[in-house]
All heavy atoms as atom14 arrays in JSON, in Angstrom:
{
  "sequence": "HAVLHIPLPVGYLLTTLIVIPIVFKGMSWIARVQAWTQPIWILGL",
  "atom14_mask": [
    [1, 1, 1, 1, 1, 1, 1, 1, 1, 1, 0, 0, 0, 0],
    [1, 1, 1, 1, 1, 0, 0, 0, 0, 0, 0, 0, 0, 0],
    [1, 1, 1, 1, 1, 1, 1, 0, 0, 0, 0, 0, 0, 0],
    [1, 1, 1, 1, 1, 1, 1, 1, 0, 0, 0, 0, 0, 0],
    [1, 1, 1, 1, 1, 1, 1, 1, 1, 1, 0, 0, 0, 0],
    [1, 1, 1, 1, 1, 1, 1, 1, 0, 0, 0, 0, 0, 0],
    [1, 1, 1, 1, 1, 1, 1, 0, 0, 0, 0, 0, 0, 0],
    [1, 1, 1, 1, 1, 1, 1, 1, 0, 0, 0, 0, 0, 0],
    [1, 1, 1, 1, 1, 1, 1, 0, 0, 0, 0, 0, 0, 0],
    [1, 1, 1, 1, 1, 1, 1, 0, 0, 0, 0, 0, 0, 0],
    [1, 1, 1, 1, 0, 0, 0, 0, 0, 0, 0, 0, 0, 0],
    [1, 1, 1, 1, 1, 1, 1, 1, 1, 1, 1, 1, 0, 0],
    [1, 1, 1, 1, 1, 1, 1, 1, 0, 0, 0, 0, 0, 0],
    [1, 1, 1, 1, 1, 1, 1, 1, 0, 0, 0, 0, 0, 0],
    [1, 1, 1, 1, 1, 1, 1, 0, 0, 0, 0, 0, 0, 0],
    [1, 1, 1, 1, 1, 1, 1, 0, 0, 0, 0, 0, 0, 0],
    [1, 1, 1, 1, 1, 1, 1, 1, 0, 0, 0, 0, 0, 0],
    [1, 1, 1, 1, 1, 1, 1, 1, 0, 0, 0, 0, 0, 0],
    [1, 1, 1, 1, 1, 1, 1, 0, 0, 0, 0, 0, 0, 0],
    [1, 1, 1, 1, 1, 1, 1, 1, 0, 0, 0, 0, 0, 0],
    [1, 1, 1, 1, 1, 1, 1, 0, 0, 0, 0, 0, 0, 0],
    [1, 1, 1, 1, 1, 1, 1, 1, 0, 0, 0, 0, 0, 0],
    [1, 1, 1, 1, 1, 1, 1, 0, 0, 0, 0, 0, 0, 0],
    [1, 1, 1, 1, 1, 1, 1, 1, 1, 1, 1, 0, 0, 0],
    [1, 1, 1, 1, 1, 1, 1, 1, 1, 0, 0, 0, 0, 0],
    [1, 1, 1, 1, 0, 0, 0, 0, 0, 0, 0, 0, 0, 0],
    [1, 1, 1, 1, 1, 1, 1, 1, 0, 0, 0, 0, 0, 0],
    [1, 1, 1, 1, 1, 1, 0, 0, 0, 0, 0, 0, 0, 0],
    [1, 1, 1, 1, 1, 1, 1, 1, 1, 1, 1, 1, 1, 1],
    [1, 1, 1, 1, 1, 1, 1, 1, 0, 0, 0, 0, 0, 0],
    [1, 1, 1, 1, 1, 0, 0, 0, 0, 0, 0, 0, 0, 0],
    [1, 1, 1, 1, 1, 1, 1, 1, 1, 1, 1, 0, 0, 0],
    [1, 1, 1, 1, 1, 1, 1, 0, 0, 0, 0, 0, 0, 0],
    [1, 1, 1, 1, 1, 1, 1, 1, 1, 0, 0, 0, 0, 0],
    [1, 1, 1, 1, 1, 0, 0, 0, 0, 0, 0, 0, 0, 0],
    [1, 1, 1, 1, 1, 1, 1, 1, 1, 1, 1, 1, 1, 1],
    [1, 1, 1, 1, 1, 1, 1, 0, 0, 0, 0, 0, 0, 0],
    [1, 1, 1, 1, 1, 1, 1, 1, 1, 0, 0, 0, 0, 0],
    [1, 1, 1, 1, 1, 1, 1, 0, 0, 0, 0, 0, 0, 0],
    [1, 1, 1, 1, 1, 1, 1, 1, 0, 0, 0, 0, 0, 0],
    [1, 1, 1, 1, 1, 1, 1, 1, 1, 1, 1, 1, 1, 1],
    [1, 1, 1, 1, 1, 1, 1, 1, 0, 0, 0, 0, 0, 0],
    [1, 1, 1, 1, 1, 1, 1, 1, 0, 0, 0, 0, 0, 0],
    [1, 1, 1, 1, 0, 0, 0, 0, 0, 0, 0, 0, 0, 0],
    [1, 1, 1, 1, 1, 1, 1, 1, 0, 0, 0, 0, 0, 0]
  ],
  "atom14_positions": [
    [[-26.46, -77.76, -51.57], [-27.52, -76.82, -51.31], [-27.4, -76.33, -49.87], [-27.58, -75.11, -49.6], [-28.9, -77.54, -51.51], [-30.02, -76.66, -51.23], [-30.4, -75.63, -51.97], [-30.98, -76.73, -50.17], [-31.49, -75.04, -51.48], [-31.84, -75.71, -50.37], [0.0, 0.0, 0.0], [0.0, 0.0, 0.0], [0.0, 0.0, 0.0], [0.0, 0.0, 0.0]],
    [[-27.1, -77.24, -48.99], [-27.02, -76.8, -47.48], [-25.8, -75.95, -47.27], [-25.91, -74.96, -46.5], [-26.96, -78.08, -46.64], [0.0, 0.0, 0.0], [0.0, 0.0, 0.0], [0.0, 0.0, 0.0], [0.0, 0.0, 0.0], [0.0, 0.0, 0.0], [0.0, 0.0, 0.0], [0.0, 0.0, 0.0], [0.0, 0.0, 0.0], [0.0, 0.0, 0.0]],
    [[-24.7, -76.22, -47.88], [-23.44, -75.45, -47.6], [-23.3, -74.25, -48.45], [-22.95, -73.17, -48.0], [-22.23, -76.4, -47.75], [-20.92, -75.58, -47.48], [-22.32, -77.61, -46.85], [0.0, 0.0, 0.0], [0.0, 0.0, 0.0], [0.0, 0.0, 0.0], [0.0, 0.0, 0.0], [0.0, 0.0, 0.0], [0.0, 0.0, 0.0], [0.0, 0.0, 0.0]],
    [[-23.54, -74.4, -49.75], [-23.31, -73.31, -50.68], [-24.57, -72.65, -51.29], [-24.51, -71.79, -52.07], [-22.43, -73.82, -51.86], [-21.08, -74.43, -51.47], [-20.41, -75.01, -52.67], [-20.16, -73.4, -50.84], [0.0, 0.0, 0.0], [0.0, 0.0, 0.0], [0.0, 0.0, 0.0], [0.0, 0.0, 0.0], [0.0, 0.0, 0.0], [0.0, 0.0, 0.0]],
    [[-25.72, -73.17, -50.84], [-27.06, -72.71, -51.32], [-27.18, -72.82, -52.85], [-27.85, -71.96, -53.45], [-27.21, -71.19, -50.87], [-27.02, -71.02, -49.43], [-27.93, -71.52, -48.44], [-26.07, -70.37, -48.7], [-27.5, -71.21, -47.28], [-26.39, -70.52, -47.37], [0.0, 0.0, 0.0], [0.0, 0.0, 0.0], [0.0, 0.0, 0.0], [0.0, 0.0, 0.0]],
    [[-26.58, -73.8, -53.41], [-26.76, -74.05, -54.85], [-28.11, -74.8, -55.05], [-28.34, -75.77, -54.35], [-25.6, -74.99, -55.35], [-24.25, -74.23, -55.18], [-25.85, -75.47, -56.82], [-23.03, -75.1, -55.58], [0.0, 0.0, 0.0], [0.0, 0.0, 0.0], [0.0, 0.0, 0.0], [0.0, 0.0, 0.0], [0.0, 0.0, 0.0], [0.0, 0.0, 0.0]],
    [[-28.89, -74.32, -55.98], [-30.15, -74.97, -56.23], [-29.99, -76.44, -56.51], [-28.99, -76.8, -57.21], [-30.73, -74.17, -57.38], [-30.09, -72.87, -57.42], [-28.71, -73.11, -56.82], [0.0, 0.0, 0.0], [0.0, 0.0, 0.0], [0.0, 0.0, 0.0], [0.0, 0.0, 0.0], [0.0, 0.0, 0.0], [0.0, 0.0, 0.0], [0.0, 0.0, 0.0]],
    [[-30.93, -77.28, -56.14], [-30.75, -78.67, -56.29], [-30.6, -79.09, -57.77], [-29.68, -79.95, -58.09], [-31.93, -79.42, -55.68], [-31.98, -79.55, -54.14], [-33.23, -80.23, -53.69], [-30.76, -80.32, -53.69], [0.0, 0.0, 0.0], [0.0, 0.0, 0.0], [0.0, 0.0, 0.0], [0.0, 0.0, 0.0], [0.0, 0.0, 0.0], [0.0, 0.0, 0.0]],
    [[-31.36, -78.58, -58.74], [-31.17, -79.0, -60.11], [-29.73, -78.73, -60.59], [-29.15, -79.51, -61.36], [-32.22, -78.15, -60.89], [-33.24, -77.87, -59.9], [-32.54, -77.68, -58.56], [0.0, 0.0, 0.0], [0.0, 0.0, 0.0], [0.0, 0.0, 0.0], [0.0, 0.0, 0.0], [0.0, 0.0, 0.0], [0.0, 0.0, 0.0], [0.0, 0.0, 0.0]],
    [[-29.17, -77.55, -60.19], [-27.78, -77.25, -60.55], [-26.8, -78.2, -59.83], [-25.85, -78.64, -60.42], [-27.45, -75.81, -60.25], [-26.01, -75.45, -60.58], [-28.4, -74.82, -61.0], [0.0, 0.0, 0.0], [0.0, 0.0, 0.0], [0.0, 0.0, 0.0], [0.0, 0.0, 0.0], [0.0, 0.0, 0.0], [0.0, 0.0, 0.0], [0.0, 0.0, 0.0]],
    [[-27.11, -78.5, -58.62], [-26.33, -79.39, -57.8], [-26.26, -80.8, -58.44], [-25.2, -81.43, -58.43], [0.0, 0.0, 0.0], [0.0, 0.0, 0.0], [0.0, 0.0, 0.0], [0.0, 0.0, 0.0], [0.0, 0.0, 0.0], [0.0, 0.0, 0.0], [0.0, 0.0, 0.0], [0.0, 0.0, 0.0], [0.0, 0.0, 0.0], [0.0, 0.0, 0.0]],
    [[-27.38, -81.26, -58.97], [-27.46, -82.56, -59.64], [-26.47, -82.59, -60.83], [-25.76, -83.55, -61.04], [-28.84, -82.86, -60.13], [-29.89, -82.97, -59.09], [-31.23, -82.61, -59.31], [-29.56, -83.49, -57.83], [-32.19, -82.7, -58.3], [-30.52, -83.62, -56.83], [-31.87, -83.21, -57.08], [-32.78, -83.3, -56.11], [0.0, 0.0, 0.0], [0.0, 0.0, 0.0]],
    [[-26.48, -81.48, -61.62], [-25.51, -81.39, -62.77], [-24.08, -81.41, -62.26], [-23.21, -82.13, -62.92], [-25.84, -80.15, -63.59], [-24.98, -79.92, -64.79], [-25.12, -81.04, -65.79], [-25.32, -78.57, -65.48], [0.0, 0.0, 0.0], [0.0, 0.0, 0.0], [0.0, 0.0, 0.0], [0.0, 0.0, 0.0], [0.0, 0.0, 0.0], [0.0, 0.0, 0.0]],
    [[-23.78, -80.69, -61.25], [-22.45, -80.56, -60.75], [-21.91, -81.98, -60.28], [-20.82, -82.4, -60.54], [-22.27, -79.59, -59.61], [-22.39, -78.06, -59.99], [-22.35, -77.19, -58.82], [-21.33, -77.71, -61.01], [0.0, 0.0, 0.0], [0.0, 0.0, 0.0], [0.0, 0.0, 0.0], [0.0, 0.0, 0.0], [0.0, 0.0, 0.0], [0.0, 0.0, 0.0]],
    [[-22.8, -82.7, -59.56], [-22.42, -83.95, -59.03], [-22.11, -84.94, -60.14], [-21.28, -85.89, -59.97], [-23.5, -84.58, -58.12], [-24.68, -84.79, -58.84], [-23.84, -83.65, -56.95], [0.0, 0.0, 0.0], [0.0, 0.0, 0.0], [0.0, 0.0, 0.0], [0.0, 0.0, 0.0], [0.0, 0.0, 0.0], [0.0, 0.0, 0.0], [0.0, 0.0, 0.0]],
    [[-22.8, -84.77, -61.24], [-22.55, -85.67, -62.38], [-21.22, -85.35, -63.11], [-20.5, -86.25, -63.48], [-23.69, -85.5, -63.41], [-24.97, -85.83, -62.72], [-23.53, -86.5, -64.59], [0.0, 0.0, 0.0], [0.0, 0.0, 0.0], [0.0, 0.0, 0.0], [0.0, 0.0, 0.0], [0.0, 0.0, 0.0], [0.0, 0.0, 0.0], [0.0, 0.0, 0.0]],
    [[-20.99, -84.04, -63.27], [-19.81, -83.62, -64.04], [-18.5, -83.86, -63.27], [-17.45, -84.12, -63.9], [-19.88, -82.14, -64.4], [-21.05, -81.73, -65.35], [-21.06, -80.18, -65.56], [-20.88, -82.44, -66.69], [0.0, 0.0, 0.0], [0.0, 0.0, 0.0], [0.0, 0.0, 0.0], [0.0, 0.0, 0.0], [0.0, 0.0, 0.0], [0.0, 0.0, 0.0]],
    [[-18.57, -83.84, -61.99], [-17.35, -83.98, -61.12], [-16.62, -85.31, -61.38], [-15.41, -85.34, -61.48], [-17.65, -83.78, -59.66], [-17.99, -82.3, -59.34], [-16.51, -84.3, -58.78], [-18.46, -82.1, -57.93], [0.0, 0.0, 0.0], [0.0, 0.0, 0.0], [0.0, 0.0, 0.0], [0.0, 0.0, 0.0], [0.0, 0.0, 0.0], [0.0, 0.0, 0.0]],
    [[-17.41, -86.36, -61.51], [-16.79, -87.71, -61.56], [-16.33, -88.11, -62.95], [-15.49, -89.08, -63.07], [-17.76, -88.8, -60.97], [-18.2, -88.47, -59.56], [-18.95, -88.93, -61.86], [0.0, 0.0, 0.0], [0.0, 0.0, 0.0], [0.0, 0.0, 0.0], [0.0, 0.0, 0.0], [0.0, 0.0, 0.0], [0.0, 0.0, 0.0], [0.0, 0.0, 0.0]],
    [[-16.8, -87.5, -63.94], [-16.56, -87.93, -65.34], [-14.96, -87.99, -65.65], [-14.5, -88.92, -66.16], [-17.21, -87.09, -66.39], [-18.76, -87.44, -66.31], [-16.72, -87.38, -67.77], [-19.66, -86.63, -67.22], [0.0, 0.0, 0.0], [0.0, 0.0, 0.0], [0.0, 0.0, 0.0], [0.0, 0.0, 0.0], [0.0, 0.0, 0.0], [0.0, 0.0, 0.0]],
    [[-14.22, -86.89, -65.35], [-12.81, -86.9, -65.62], [-12.08, -88.07, -64.89], [-11.1, -88.65, -65.37], [-12.3, -85.56, -65.15], [-13.48, -84.66, -65.1], [-14.65, -85.59, -64.78], [0.0, 0.0, 0.0], [0.0, 0.0, 0.0], [0.0, 0.0, 0.0], [0.0, 0.0, 0.0], [0.0, 0.0, 0.0], [0.0, 0.0, 0.0], [0.0, 0.0, 0.0]],
    [[-12.53, -88.42, -63.68], [-11.86, -89.45, -62.9], [-12.11, -90.79, -63.55], [-11.18, -91.61, -63.71], [-12.4, -89.45, -61.46], [-12.17, -88.16, -60.75], [-11.84, -90.61, -60.66], [-12.88, -88.02, -59.44], [0.0, 0.0, 0.0], [0.0, 0.0, 0.0], [0.0, 0.0, 0.0], [0.0, 0.0, 0.0], [0.0, 0.0, 0.0], [0.0, 0.0, 0.0]],
    [[-13.32, -91.04, -63.94], [-13.69, -92.35, -64.48], [-13.15, -92.58, -65.9], [-12.95, -93.66, -66.37], [-15.28, -92.49, -64.51], [-15.67, -93.83, -65.02], [-15.82, -92.24, -63.11], [0.0, 0.0, 0.0], [0.0, 0.0, 0.0], [0.0, 0.0, 0.0], [0.0, 0.0, 0.0], [0.0, 0.0, 0.0], [0.0, 0.0, 0.0], [0.0, 0.0, 0.0]],
    [[-12.95, -91.44, -66.58], [-12.43, -91.5, -67.95], [-11.19, -92.31, -68.09], [-11.0, -93.09, -68.99], [-12.19, -90.04, -68.45], [-11.96, -89.96, -69.95], [-13.07, -89.75, -70.78], [-10.73, -90.0, -70.5], [-12.93, -89.68, -72.14], [-10.57, -89.88, -71.86], [-11.64, -89.74, -72.7], [0.0, 0.0, 0.0], [0.0, 0.0, 0.0], [0.0, 0.0, 0.0]],
    [[-10.3, -92.2, -67.12], [-8.94, -92.94, -67.16], [-9.04, -94.29, -66.52], [-8.0, -94.95, -66.46], [-7.95, -92.05, -66.48], [-7.55, -90.8, -67.27], [-6.88, -91.14, -68.61], [-5.5, -91.68, -68.43], [-4.81, -91.89, -69.65], [0.0, 0.0, 0.0], [0.0, 0.0, 0.0], [0.0, 0.0, 0.0], [0.0, 0.0, 0.0], [0.0, 0.0, 0.0]],
    [[-10.16, -94.69, -66.01], [-10.33, -96.06, -65.56], [-9.67, -96.34, -64.25], [-9.49, -95.5, -63.39], [0.0, 0.0, 0.0], [0.0, 0.0, 0.0], [0.0, 0.0, 0.0], [0.0, 0.0, 0.0], [0.0, 0.0, 0.0], [0.0, 0.0, 0.0], [0.0, 0.0, 0.0], [0.0, 0.0, 0.0], [0.0, 0.0, 0.0], [0.0, 0.0, 0.0]],
    [[-9.25, -97.67, -64.09], [-8.74, -98.16, -62.84], [-7.56, -97.4, -62.32], [-7.46, -97.16, -61.07], [-8.34, -99.58, -63.06], [-7.66, -100.29, -61.86], [-8.79, -100.61, -60.48], [-7.73, -101.58, -59.47], [0.0, 0.0, 0.0], [0.0, 0.0, 0.0], [0.0, 0.0, 0.0], [0.0, 0.0, 0.0], [0.0, 0.0, 0.0], [0.0, 0.0, 0.0]],
    [[-6.66, -96.89, -63.15], [-5.45, -96.24, -62.63], [-5.8, -94.96, -61.92], [-5.2, -94.72, -60.77], [-4.52, -95.92, -63.82], [-5.16, -95.11, -64.78], [0.0, 0.0, 0.0], [0.0, 0.0, 0.0], [0.0, 0.0, 0.0], [0.0, 0.0, 0.0], [0.0, 0.0, 0.0], [0.0, 0.0, 0.0], [0.0, 0.0, 0.0], [0.0, 0.0, 0.0]],
    [[-6.72, -94.1, -62.44], [-7.0, -92.91, -61.75], [-7.94, -93.15, -60.57], [-7.84, -92.5, -59.52], [-7.7, -91.92, -62.74], [-6.71, -91.23, -63.6], [-5.46, -91.57, -64.02], [-6.85, -89.85, -64.12], [-4.81, -90.71, -64.75], [-5.67, -89.59, -64.87], [-7.81, -88.94, -64.09], [-5.41, -88.41, -65.49], [-7.62, -87.7, -64.78], [-6.51, -87.47, -65.49]],
    [[-8.88, -94.09, -60.72], [-9.81, -94.35, -59.69], [-9.02, -94.84, -58.44], [-9.32, -94.48, -57.3], [-10.86, -95.43, -60.06], [-11.77, -94.85, -61.12], [-11.68, -95.84, -58.84], [-12.79, -95.75, -61.71], [0.0, 0.0, 0.0], [0.0, 0.0, 0.0], [0.0, 0.0, 0.0], [0.0, 0.0, 0.0], [0.0, 0.0, 0.0], [0.0, 0.0, 0.0]],
    [[-8.0, -95.71, -58.67], [-7.21, -96.22, -57.5], [-6.53, -95.05, -56.84], [-6.41, -95.06, -55.58], [-6.17, -97.22, -58.08], [0.0, 0.0, 0.0], [0.0, 0.0, 0.0], [0.0, 0.0, 0.0], [0.0, 0.0, 0.0], [0.0, 0.0, 0.0], [0.0, 0.0, 0.0], [0.0, 0.0, 0.0], [0.0, 0.0, 0.0], [0.0, 0.0, 0.0]],
    [[-6.07, -94.1, -57.59], [-5.35, -92.99, -56.88], [-6.36, -92.14, -56.07], [-6.06, -91.73, -54.97], [-4.69, -92.09, -57.98], [-3.56, -92.75, -58.63], [-3.07, -91.84, -59.82], [-2.14, -92.64, -60.66], [-1.75, -92.18, -61.87], [-2.23, -91.03, -62.37], [-0.89, -92.9, -62.58], [0.0, 0.0, 0.0], [0.0, 0.0, 0.0], [0.0, 0.0, 0.0]],
    [[-7.49, -91.86, -56.62], [-8.46, -91.02, -55.94], [-8.98, -91.78, -54.66], [-9.06, -91.15, -53.58], [-9.71, -90.74, -56.84], [-10.84, -90.16, -56.06], [-9.32, -89.82, -57.95], [0.0, 0.0, 0.0], [0.0, 0.0, 0.0], [0.0, 0.0, 0.0], [0.0, 0.0, 0.0], [0.0, 0.0, 0.0], [0.0, 0.0, 0.0], [0.0, 0.0, 0.0]],
    [[-9.15, -93.04, -54.77], [-9.59, -93.81, -53.54], [-8.54, -93.76, -52.44], [-8.85, -93.64, -51.31], [-9.91, -95.27, -53.94], [-11.0, -95.48, -55.02], [-12.37, -95.07, -54.47], [-12.56, -94.47, -53.44], [-13.45, -95.37, -55.23], [0.0, 0.0, 0.0], [0.0, 0.0, 0.0], [0.0, 0.0, 0.0], [0.0, 0.0, 0.0], [0.0, 0.0, 0.0]],
    [[-7.29, -93.87, -52.88], [-6.19, -93.88, -51.91], [-6.02, -92.51, -51.28], [-5.84, -92.41, -50.04], [-4.89, -94.32, -52.55], [0.0, 0.0, 0.0], [0.0, 0.0, 0.0], [0.0, 0.0, 0.0], [0.0, 0.0, 0.0], [0.0, 0.0, 0.0], [0.0, 0.0, 0.0], [0.0, 0.0, 0.0], [0.0, 0.0, 0.0], [0.0, 0.0, 0.0]],
    [[-6.09, -91.43, -52.06], [-5.86, -90.09, -51.5], [-6.96, -89.64, -50.56], [-6.71, -88.86, -49.63], [-5.79, -89.08, -52.66], [-4.55, -89.27, -53.55], [-3.39, -89.95, -53.25], [-4.36, -88.8, -54.87], [-2.54, -89.9, -54.26], [-3.1, -89.23, -55.33], [-5.17, -88.06, -55.78], [-2.63, -88.96, -56.61], [-4.68, -87.8, -57.0], [-3.4, -88.26, -57.44]],
    [[-8.19, -90.09, -50.85], [-9.34, -89.6, -50.08], [-9.71, -90.54, -48.88], [-10.49, -90.14, -48.03], [-10.6, -89.48, -50.96], [-10.85, -90.78, -51.59], [-10.42, -88.44, -52.04], [0.0, 0.0, 0.0], [0.0, 0.0, 0.0], [0.0, 0.0, 0.0], [0.0, 0.0, 0.0], [0.0, 0.0, 0.0], [0.0, 0.0, 0.0], [0.0, 0.0, 0.0]],
    [[-8.98, -91.69, -48.77], [-9.35, -92.63, -47.73], [-9.21, -92.07, -46.38], [-10.09, -92.28, -45.49], [-8.54, -93.91, -47.92], [-9.18, -95.11, -47.29], [-10.36, -95.66, -48.09], [-11.03, -94.93, -48.78], [-10.6, -96.95, -47.91], [0.0, 0.0, 0.0], [0.0, 0.0, 0.0], [0.0, 0.0, 0.0], [0.0, 0.0, 0.0], [0.0, 0.0, 0.0]],
    [[-8.08, -91.38, -45.95], [-7.96, -90.83, -44.61], [-9.05, -89.88, -44.2], [-9.62, -89.96, -43.09], [-6.55, -90.18, -44.63], [-5.83, -90.83, -45.78], [-6.87, -91.13, -46.81], [0.0, 0.0, 0.0], [0.0, 0.0, 0.0], [0.0, 0.0, 0.0], [0.0, 0.0, 0.0], [0.0, 0.0, 0.0], [0.0, 0.0, 0.0], [0.0, 0.0, 0.0]],
    [[-9.35, -88.98, -45.17], [-10.4, -88.0, -44.87], [-11.73, -88.73, -44.6], [-12.53, -88.39, -43.71], [-10.61, -86.99, -45.99], [-9.3, -86.23, -46.21], [-11.77, -86.04, -45.79], [-9.28, -85.29, -47.4], [0.0, 0.0, 0.0], [0.0, 0.0, 0.0], [0.0, 0.0, 0.0], [0.0, 0.0, 0.0], [0.0, 0.0, 0.0], [0.0, 0.0, 0.0]],
    [[-12.06, -89.71, -45.45], [-13.31, -90.46, -45.31], [-13.4, -91.26, -44.03], [-14.39, -91.21, -43.37], [-13.5, -91.43, -46.53], [-14.76, -92.18, -46.42], [-16.03, -91.7, -46.69], [-14.93, -93.5, -46.08], [-16.93, -92.65, -46.49], [-16.29, -93.78, -46.1], [-14.05, -94.58, -45.7], [-16.8, -95.06, -45.78], [-14.56, -95.78, -45.39], [-15.87, -96.02, -45.43]],
    [[-12.31, -91.86, -43.64], [-12.39, -92.67, -42.41], [-12.58, -91.74, -41.22], [-13.32, -92.06, -40.27], [-11.02, -93.52, -42.29], [-10.98, -94.58, -43.32], [-10.93, -94.13, -40.87], [-9.73, -95.35, -43.36], [0.0, 0.0, 0.0], [0.0, 0.0, 0.0], [0.0, 0.0, 0.0], [0.0, 0.0, 0.0], [0.0, 0.0, 0.0], [0.0, 0.0, 0.0]],
    [[-11.86, -90.6, -41.16], [-12.03, -89.64, -40.08], [-13.49, -89.13, -40.04], [-14.06, -89.04, -38.98], [-11.03, -88.49, -40.25], [-11.13, -87.35, -39.24], [-10.81, -87.89, -37.83], [-10.18, -86.23, -39.56], [0.0, 0.0, 0.0], [0.0, 0.0, 0.0], [0.0, 0.0, 0.0], [0.0, 0.0, 0.0], [0.0, 0.0, 0.0], [0.0, 0.0, 0.0]],
    [[-13.96, -88.81, -41.19], [-15.35, -88.26, -41.29], [-16.39, -89.32, -40.88], [-17.4, -88.97, -40.32], [0.0, 0.0, 0.0], [0.0, 0.0, 0.0], [0.0, 0.0, 0.0], [0.0, 0.0, 0.0], [0.0, 0.0, 0.0], [0.0, 0.0, 0.0], [0.0, 0.0, 0.0], [0.0, 0.0, 0.0], [0.0, 0.0, 0.0], [0.0, 0.0, 0.0]],
    [[-16.1, -90.59, -41.15], [-17.06, -91.63, -40.85], [-17.15, -91.83, -39.36], [-18.25, -92.06, -38.83], [-16.56, -92.96, -41.54], [-17.4, -94.18, -41.35], [-18.78, -94.02, -42.06], [-16.65, -95.41, -41.85], [0.0, 0.0, 0.0], [0.0, 0.0, 0.0], [0.0, 0.0, 0.0], [0.0, 0.0, 0.0], [0.0, 0.0, 0.0], [0.0, 0.0, 0.0]]
  ]
}
């Protein structure tokens, strides 16, 4: 909402749909996503 001015109800739906493909494949895909995003997250933290 703050960055793209997407209404909150629509944003709630988007946040839900984004993670489903990742979780679908279980530990193997989640491990990759966690590893790829870790540098960005540490810098941002």
